[in-house]
């Protein structure tokens, strides 16, 4: 199963809680970045980041493959 990590920028404060709680290291935030970004192919859909984000700034979606 493939998952897509999506940031809702208007809600994001750049606090990096999502980076800290992700057990798969699927989210990165470098010093020179204003917002976190997903690491391609790493999200497993556990939703910990969604539950822990106090600003409702993250969506995790299942990507359907019809191949």
C-alpha atoms as a PDB file:
ATOM      1  CA  UNK A   1       0.000   0.000   0.000  1.00  0.00           C
ATOM      2  CA  UNK A   2       1.284   3.451  -0.871  1.00  0.00           C
ATOM      3  CA  UNK A   3       0.561   6.599   1.115  1.00  0.00           C
ATOM      4  CA  UNK A   4       0.872  10.300   0.382  1.00  0.00           C
ATOM      5  CA  UNK A   5       1.764  12.821   3.092  1.00  0.00           C
ATOM      6  CA  UNK A   6       0.224  16.236   2.379  1.00  0.00           C
ATOM      7  CA  UNK A   7       0.854  19.496   4.223  1.00  0.00           C
ATOM      8  CA  UNK A   8      -1.908  22.071   4.591  1.00  0.00           C
ATOM      9  CA  UNK A   9       0.363  25.129   4.543  1.00  0.00           C
ATOM     10  CA  UNK A  10      -2.224  27.640   5.708  1.00  0.00           C
ATOM     11  CA  UNK A  11      -2.448  25.711   9.007  1.00  0.00           C
ATOM     12  CA  UNK A  12       1.252  24.895   9.439  1.00  0.00           C
ATOM     13  CA  UNK A  13       3.420  26.875  11.860  1.00  0.00           C
ATOM     14  CA  UNK A  14       6.646  24.981  11.138  1.00  0.00           C
ATOM     15  CA  UNK A  15       6.770  23.593  14.693  1.00  0.00           C
ATOM     16  CA  UNK A  16       8.234  20.251  13.465  1.00  0.00           C
ATOM     17  CA  UNK A  17       6.153  18.054  15.753  1.00  0.00           C
ATOM     18  CA  UNK A  18       5.408  15.887  12.703  1.00  0.00           C
ATOM     19  CA  UNK A  19       9.126  15.402  12.114  1.00  0.00           C
ATOM     20  CA  UNK A  20       9.701  14.420  15.736  1.00  0.00           C
ATOM     21  CA  UNK A  21       6.854  11.903  15.998  1.00  0.00           C
ATOM     22  CA  UNK A  22       7.206  10.100  12.653  1.00  0.00           C
ATOM     23  CA  UNK A  23       8.588   6.589  13.304  1.00  0.00           C
ATOM     24  CA  UNK A  24       9.493   6.145   9.620  1.00  0.00           C
ATOM     25  CA  UNK A  25      11.366   9.461   9.231  1.00  0.00           C
ATOM     26  CA  UNK A  26       8.971  10.227   6.376  1.00  0.00           C
ATOM     27  CA  UNK A  27       8.987  13.975   7.067  1.00  0.00           C
ATOM     28  CA  UNK A  28      11.947  16.335   6.911  1.00  0.00           C
ATOM     29  CA  UNK A  29      12.495  19.920   8.011  1.00  0.00           C
ATOM     30  CA  UNK A  30      15.906  21.433   7.435  1.00  0.00           C
ATOM     31  CA  UNK A  31      17.057  24.672   9.026  1.00  0.00           C
ATOM     32  CA  UNK A  32      16.583  26.599   5.806  1.00  0.00           C
ATOM     33  CA  UNK A  33      13.053  25.257   5.227  1.00  0.00           C
ATOM     34  CA  UNK A  34       9.940  27.137   6.341  1.00  0.00           C
ATOM     35  CA  UNK A  35       7.703  24.068   6.192  1.00  0.00           C
ATOM     36  CA  UNK A  36       8.185  20.314   6.564  1.00  0.00           C
ATOM     37  CA  UNK A  37       8.265  18.172   3.448  1.00  0.00           C
ATOM     38  CA  UNK A  38       7.594  14.496   2.822  1.00  0.00           C
ATOM     39  CA  UNK A  39      10.348  12.031   2.006  1.00  0.00           C
ATOM     40  CA  UNK A  40       9.190  10.160  -1.088  1.00  0.00           C
ATOM     41  CA  UNK A  41       7.997   6.618  -0.491  1.00  0.00           C
ATOM     42  CA  UNK A  42       8.551   6.624   3.283  1.00  0.00           C
ATOM     43  CA  UNK A  43       5.040   7.237   4.649  1.00  0.00           C
ATOM     44  CA  UNK A  44       3.362   4.057   5.897  1.00  0.00           C
ATOM     45  CA  UNK A  45       0.031   5.668   6.765  1.00  0.00           C
ATOM     46  CA  UNK A  46       0.308   5.248  10.541  1.00  0.00           C
ATOM     47  CA  UNK A  47      -1.338   8.681  11.063  1.00  0.00           C
ATOM     48  CA  UNK A  48       0.707   9.524  14.156  1.00  0.00           C
ATOM     49  CA  UNK A  49       1.651  12.882  12.622  1.00  0.00           C
ATOM     50  CA  UNK A  50      -2.011  13.674  11.906  1.00  0.00           C
ATOM     51  CA  UNK A  51      -3.015  12.850  15.492  1.00  0.00           C
ATOM     52  CA  UNK A  52      -0.138  14.810  17.049  1.00  0.00           C
ATOM     53  CA  UNK A  53      -0.354  17.959  14.914  1.00  0.00           C
ATOM     54  CA  UNK A  54      -2.111  20.588  17.050  1.00  0.00           C
ATOM     55  CA  UNK A  55      -2.847  22.739  13.995  1.00  0.00           C
ATOM     56  CA  UNK A  56      -4.608  20.193  11.712  1.00  0.00           C
ATOM     57  CA  UNK A  57      -1.948  20.840   9.085  1.00  0.00           C
ATOM     58  CA  UNK A  58      -1.452  17.290   7.780  1.00  0.00           C
ATOM     59  CA  UNK A  59      -3.416  14.871   5.657  1.00  0.00           C
ATOM     60  CA  UNK A  60      -2.334  11.337   4.847  1.00  0.00           C
ATOM     61  CA  UNK A  61      -3.995   9.763   1.815  1.00  0.00           C
ATOM     62  CA  UNK A  62      -3.977   6.265   0.425  1.00  0.00           C
ATOM     63  CA  UNK A  63      -2.765   6.169  -3.174  1.00  0.00           C
ATOM     64  CA  UNK A  64      -4.591   3.604  -5.247  1.00  0.00           C
ATOM     65  CA  UNK A  65      -2.662   1.800  -7.928  1.00  0.00           C
ATOM     66  CA  UNK A  66      -4.693   0.243 -10.690  1.00  0.00           C
ATOM     67  CA  UNK A  67      -1.807  -1.345 -12.531  1.00  0.00           C
END
